[in-house]
Amino acid sequence: MRNVAKSVNVSVSGKAMKILCSFVQDQFTNIASEAATVTRLGRGKTLGSREVATAVKVMLPTELAKHAASEATKAVTKSHASYAPARAAAKAAAKKRPKKDKKKKAKKVASLDFTLTYTTFSRSQGKKE
């Protein structure tokens, strides 16, 4: 807040700063609780950017909500772009890894099934192993 005030050559008193801070915290709490409600109503388990955007549209006046939505979209896009190189590197590393042999896995499962079936059959017949 102080940086914004300095950029327009205006000073803000300590008391005014405390009031602004309290206002911002209240708005954050209200939007977060509304976003949680939207998530629950949508039967979701994850609170994402869409739920927060919906909560902002509900809680703020129209013009302010539109501005907040455009700034949020810009921030999310910038965040996703910063993770893109890491995602590309992870995909490239995954392609280089050798694939597991599925046939060996199938044989193990088949022998395990046979062992379980044989053990169950033997026990039901009263035989000791």
Protein backbone atom coordinates (compact mmCIF):
# COMPACT_ATOMS: atom_id res chain seq x y z
CA MET A 1 0.00 0.00 0.00
CA ARG A 2 2.79 2.37 0.85
CA ASN A 3 4.44 1.74 -2.54
CA VAL A 4 1.24 2.74 -4.32
CA ALA A 5 1.00 5.91 -2.22
CA LYS A 6 4.66 6.76 -2.93
CA SER A 7 4.15 6.38 -6.67
CA VAL A 8 1.53 9.16 -6.66
CA ASN A 9 3.42 11.32 -4.10
CA VAL A 10 0.83 10.93 -1.33
CA SER A 11 1.55 10.01 2.25
CA VAL A 12 -0.62 7.68 4.31
CA SER A 13 -0.81 7.87 8.08
CA GLY A 14 -0.23 4.83 10.26
CA LYS A 15 -3.85 4.75 11.39
CA ALA A 16 -5.12 4.92 7.80
CA MET A 17 -2.74 2.11 6.87
CA LYS A 18 -4.11 -0.08 9.69
CA ILE A 19 -7.67 0.57 8.49
CA LEU A 20 -6.74 -0.31 4.90
CA CYS A 21 -4.97 -3.46 6.06
CA SER A 22 -8.01 -4.51 8.08
CA PHE A 23 -10.29 -3.85 5.09
CA VAL A 24 -8.11 -5.97 2.78
CA GLN A 25 -7.98 -8.81 5.31
CA ASP A 26 -11.78 -8.74 5.71
CA GLN A 27 -12.29 -8.84 1.94
CA PHE A 28 -9.83 -11.71 1.60
CA THR A 29 -11.60 -13.68 4.34
CA ASN A 30 -15.03 -13.08 2.78
CA ILE A 31 -13.88 -14.04 -0.72
CA ALA A 32 -12.07 -17.15 0.57
CA SER A 33 -15.12 -18.36 2.50
CA GLU A 34 -17.38 -17.71 -0.50
CA ALA A 35 -14.95 -19.60 -2.76
CA ALA A 36 -14.99 -22.52 -0.31
CA THR A 37 -18.80 -22.49 -0.45
CA VAL A 38 -18.73 -22.49 -4.27
CA THR A 39 -16.34 -25.45 -4.17
CA ARG A 40 -18.60 -27.39 -1.81
CA LEU A 41 -21.72 -26.63 -3.85
CA GLY A 42 -19.94 -27.86 -6.97
CA ARG A 43 -19.08 -31.05 -5.07
CA GLY A 44 -15.39 -30.38 -5.68
CA LYS A 45 -12.51 -31.04 -3.36
CA THR A 46 -10.05 -28.49 -4.73
CA LEU A 47 -10.39 -24.74 -4.52
CA GLY A 48 -9.11 -23.43 -7.85
CA SER A 49 -8.94 -20.17 -9.73
CA ARG A 50 -12.43 -20.63 -11.21
CA GLU A 51 -14.02 -20.90 -7.78
CA VAL A 52 -12.18 -17.80 -6.59
CA ALA A 53 -13.24 -15.90 -9.73
CA THR A 54 -16.85 -16.84 -9.11
CA ALA A 55 -16.60 -15.72 -5.48
CA VAL A 56 -15.11 -12.39 -6.57
CA LYS A 57 -17.97 -11.85 -9.03
CA VAL A 58 -20.45 -12.49 -6.23
CA MET A 59 -18.73 -10.41 -3.54
CA LEU A 60 -17.53 -7.30 -5.41
CA PRO A 61 -19.40 -4.62 -7.39
CA THR A 62 -19.59 -5.17 -11.17
CA GLU A 63 -16.80 -2.88 -12.40
CA LEU A 64 -14.43 -3.85 -9.62
CA ALA A 65 -15.16 -7.56 -10.21
CA LYS A 66 -14.39 -7.20 -13.94
CA HIS A 67 -11.09 -5.48 -13.20
CA ALA A 68 -10.18 -8.09 -10.57
CA ALA A 69 -11.04 -10.91 -12.99
CA SER A 70 -8.83 -9.49 -15.75
CA GLU A 71 -5.91 -8.98 -13.32
CA ALA A 72 -6.36 -12.51 -11.94
CA THR A 73 -6.42 -14.01 -15.43
CA LYS A 74 -3.23 -12.17 -16.25
CA ALA A 75 -1.57 -13.42 -13.05
CA VAL A 76 -2.62 -17.06 -13.62
CA THR A 77 -1.40 -16.93 -17.23
CA LYS A 78 1.95 -15.53 -16.11
CA SER A 79 2.22 -18.22 -13.42
CA HIS A 80 1.50 -21.04 -15.88
CA ALA A 81 4.05 -19.62 -18.31
CA SER A 82 6.74 -19.67 -15.64
CA TYR A 83 6.13 -23.39 -15.03
CA ALA A 84 6.15 -24.31 -18.74
CA PRO A 85 9.93 -24.94 -19.02
CA ALA A 86 9.87 -27.26 -16.01
CA ARG A 87 6.92 -29.19 -17.45
CA ALA A 88 8.68 -29.55 -20.81
CA ALA A 89 11.84 -30.84 -19.10
CA ALA A 90 9.81 -33.37 -17.08
CA LYS A 91 8.10 -34.65 -20.23
CA ALA A 92 11.43 -34.99 -22.03
CA ALA A 93 12.89 -36.91 -19.07
CA ALA A 94 9.86 -39.22 -19.01
CA LYS A 95 10.31 -40.04 -22.69
CA LYS A 96 13.95 -41.00 -22.13
CA ARG A 97 13.12 -43.50 -19.36
CA PRO A 98 12.91 -47.13 -20.49
CA LYS A 99 9.42 -48.58 -20.52
CA LYS A 100 8.59 -51.37 -18.11
CA ASP A 101 7.99 -54.82 -19.52
CA LYS A 102 4.28 -55.56 -19.08
CA LYS A 103 4.65 -59.27 -19.94
CA LYS A 104 6.76 -59.99 -16.86
CA LYS A 105 4.22 -58.24 -14.69
CA ALA A 106 1.41 -60.33 -16.17
CA LYS A 107 3.27 -63.58 -15.45
CA LYS A 108 3.80 -62.58 -11.84
CA VAL A 109 0.13 -61.80 -11.42
CA ALA A 110 -0.87 -65.10 -13.01
CA SER A 111 1.43 -67.11 -10.72
CA LEU A 112 0.16 -65.16 -7.71
CA ASP A 113 -3.44 -65.95 -8.68
CA PHE A 114 -2.57 -69.62 -9.03
CA THR A 115 -0.83 -69.66 -5.65
CA LEU A 116 -3.79 -68.00 -3.96
CA THR A 117 -6.25 -70.36 -5.63
CA TYR A 118 -4.18 -73.44 -4.74
CA THR A 119 -3.76 -72.29 -1.13
CA THR A 120 -7.46 -71.55 -0.77
CA PHE A 121 -8.39 -74.92 -2.32
CA SER A 122 -5.94 -76.80 -0.08
CA ARG A 123 -7.22 -75.13 3.05
CA SER A 124 -10.85 -75.76 2.16
CA GLN A 125 -10.00 -79.48 1.71
CA GLY A 126 -8.40 -79.58 5.16
CA LYS A 127 -4.89 -80.28 3.88
CA LYS A 128 -1.87 -78.83 5.66
CA GLU A 129 0.96 -77.31 3.66
